[in-house]
């Protein structure tokens, strides 16, 4: 049985680097690229489904599918298959939730590598995933 790798993917340079790293470092692994359509947080989140909180949800999903298609093409260029999945929610919660299901052995995630005040103000999905994930996490910068 081959290793199962979860790769959060949003089309950014760090996520592209993470995909390249995963393709090179785990040649025999099954890779799944996960795009999370971010759902706004806040008061209304307690009363509405995640998808209902997103303005233009269909357009956001279309964009996510386009990004995942690009990731599949990158993998195909290296003669690799790439499974894809799109989920609506809060990115760090969805990523950790997917890992908690026990289906994945490792998460490979890109990070901008922000430090100091920038990281504190902007937050870091990668940092939150590292802190909460039940599986090993590889952070690629």
Protein backbone atom coordinates (compact mmCIF):
# COMPACT_ATOMS: atom_id res chain seq x y z
CA UNK A 1 0.00 0.00 0.00
CA UNK A 2 1.44 3.36 -0.99
CA UNK A 3 1.59 6.43 1.18
CA UNK A 4 -1.35 8.86 1.01
CA UNK A 5 -0.36 12.54 0.82
CA UNK A 6 -2.76 15.46 1.31
CA UNK A 7 -1.69 18.62 -0.48
CA UNK A 8 -3.68 21.78 0.29
CA UNK A 9 -3.57 23.75 -2.96
CA UNK A 10 -4.68 27.30 -3.73
CA UNK A 11 -2.67 28.14 -6.84
CA UNK A 12 -0.24 30.38 -4.96
CA UNK A 13 3.52 30.13 -5.48
CA UNK A 14 3.99 28.36 -2.12
CA UNK A 15 1.33 25.77 -2.96
CA UNK A 16 2.92 25.19 -6.38
CA UNK A 17 6.28 24.67 -4.67
CA UNK A 18 4.64 22.23 -2.26
CA UNK A 19 3.15 20.30 -5.19
CA UNK A 20 6.54 20.15 -6.93
CA UNK A 21 8.16 19.01 -3.68
CA UNK A 22 5.56 16.29 -3.13
CA UNK A 23 5.89 15.03 -6.70
CA UNK A 24 9.68 14.80 -6.37
CA UNK A 25 9.95 13.58 -2.79
CA UNK A 26 7.12 11.04 -2.75
CA UNK A 27 7.36 9.34 -6.17
CA UNK A 28 5.29 6.31 -5.15
CA UNK A 29 2.69 8.11 -3.03
CA UNK A 30 -0.91 8.76 -3.93
CA UNK A 31 -1.38 12.53 -3.94
CA UNK A 32 -4.61 14.42 -3.34
CA UNK A 33 -4.73 18.17 -3.98
CA UNK A 34 -7.32 19.85 -1.79
CA UNK A 35 -8.78 23.26 -2.57
CA UNK A 36 -10.79 24.87 0.20
CA UNK A 37 -13.26 27.56 -0.79
CA UNK A 38 -12.89 29.85 2.22
CA UNK A 39 -16.13 30.49 4.07
CA UNK A 40 -16.28 33.73 6.05
CA UNK A 41 -16.29 33.38 9.80
CA UNK A 42 -18.26 35.34 12.29
CA UNK A 43 -21.60 35.60 13.98
CA UNK A 44 -23.68 34.38 11.04
CA UNK A 45 -21.55 31.28 10.78
CA UNK A 46 -23.52 29.78 13.65
CA UNK A 47 -26.76 30.10 11.69
CA UNK A 48 -25.82 29.44 8.08
CA UNK A 49 -24.19 26.62 6.18
CA UNK A 50 -20.63 27.43 5.07
CA UNK A 51 -21.65 27.57 1.43
CA UNK A 52 -24.44 30.05 2.17
CA UNK A 53 -21.94 32.50 3.69
CA UNK A 54 -19.95 32.86 0.46
CA UNK A 55 -20.88 35.58 -1.99
CA UNK A 56 -20.81 34.10 -5.51
CA UNK A 57 -20.24 30.57 -4.18
CA UNK A 58 -20.59 29.01 -7.63
CA UNK A 59 -17.97 31.34 -9.08
CA UNK A 60 -15.63 30.57 -6.17
CA UNK A 61 -16.08 26.84 -6.78
CA UNK A 62 -15.43 27.28 -10.51
CA UNK A 63 -12.18 29.09 -9.70
CA UNK A 64 -11.20 26.29 -7.32
CA UNK A 65 -11.82 23.67 -9.99
CA UNK A 66 -9.70 25.67 -12.45
CA UNK A 67 -6.83 25.76 -9.95
CA UNK A 68 -7.13 22.04 -9.32
CA UNK A 69 -7.11 21.42 -13.08
CA UNK A 70 -3.83 23.37 -13.24
CA UNK A 71 -2.41 21.22 -10.45
CA UNK A 72 -3.46 18.06 -12.31
CA UNK A 73 -1.68 19.36 -15.41
CA UNK A 74 1.49 19.99 -13.39
CA UNK A 75 1.39 16.42 -12.12
CA UNK A 76 0.66 15.05 -15.59
CA UNK A 77 3.76 16.85 -16.89
CA UNK A 78 5.72 14.58 -14.55
CA UNK A 79 3.71 11.49 -15.54
CA UNK A 80 1.92 11.44 -12.20
CA UNK A 81 -1.72 11.13 -11.30
CA UNK A 82 -3.25 13.61 -8.90
CA UNK A 83 -6.60 13.19 -7.21
CA UNK A 84 -8.42 16.43 -6.44
CA UNK A 85 -11.02 17.50 -3.93
CA UNK A 86 -12.87 20.76 -3.34
CA UNK A 87 -14.52 21.54 0.00
CA UNK A 88 -16.17 24.70 1.35
CA UNK A 89 -15.18 25.80 4.86
CA UNK A 90 -12.45 27.33 6.97
CA UNK A 91 -9.16 26.18 5.39
CA UNK A 92 -7.28 25.13 8.52
CA UNK A 93 -10.31 23.30 9.91
CA UNK A 94 -11.01 21.48 6.65
CA UNK A 95 -7.37 20.45 6.19
CA UNK A 96 -7.01 19.14 9.75
CA UNK A 97 -10.42 17.47 9.47
CA UNK A 98 -9.34 15.61 6.35
CA UNK A 99 -6.18 14.45 8.12
CA UNK A 100 -8.17 13.44 11.20
CA UNK A 101 -10.23 11.03 9.13
CA UNK A 102 -7.13 8.83 9.02
CA UNK A 103 -7.04 8.61 5.25
CA UNK A 104 -3.73 10.48 4.88
CA UNK A 105 -0.25 9.68 6.15
CA UNK A 106 1.29 13.12 5.59
CA UNK A 107 0.28 16.68 4.73
CA UNK A 108 2.54 18.69 2.43
CA UNK A 109 1.63 22.38 2.64
CA UNK A 110 3.16 25.55 1.25
CA UNK A 111 3.88 28.58 3.38
CA UNK A 112 4.73 32.17 2.56
CA UNK A 113 7.23 32.15 5.41
CA UNK A 114 6.00 35.38 6.94
CA UNK A 115 7.46 36.32 10.28
CA UNK A 116 6.80 38.69 13.13
CA UNK A 117 3.92 41.16 12.97
CA UNK A 118 2.98 40.13 9.42
CA UNK A 119 2.39 36.53 10.53
CA UNK A 120 0.46 37.59 13.62
CA UNK A 121 -1.80 39.99 11.71
CA UNK A 122 -2.40 37.75 8.72
CA UNK A 123 -2.40 34.43 10.50
CA UNK A 124 -0.98 31.33 8.93
CA UNK A 125 -2.99 28.38 7.74
CA UNK A 126 0.21 26.33 7.60
CA UNK A 127 1.05 27.14 11.22
CA UNK A 128 -2.44 26.24 12.42
CA UNK A 129 -2.31 22.97 10.48
CA UNK A 130 1.09 22.12 11.99
CA UNK A 131 -0.21 22.79 15.50
CA UNK A 132 -3.44 20.80 15.13
CA UNK A 133 -2.75 18.01 12.65
CA UNK A 134 -2.81 14.43 13.92
CA UNK A 135 -0.49 13.44 11.04
CA UNK A 136 3.02 14.63 10.13
CA UNK A 137 3.14 17.92 8.22
CA UNK A 138 5.86 18.97 5.78
CA UNK A 139 5.98 22.75 5.29
CA UNK A 140 7.51 23.93 2.03
CA UNK A 141 8.73 27.51 1.56
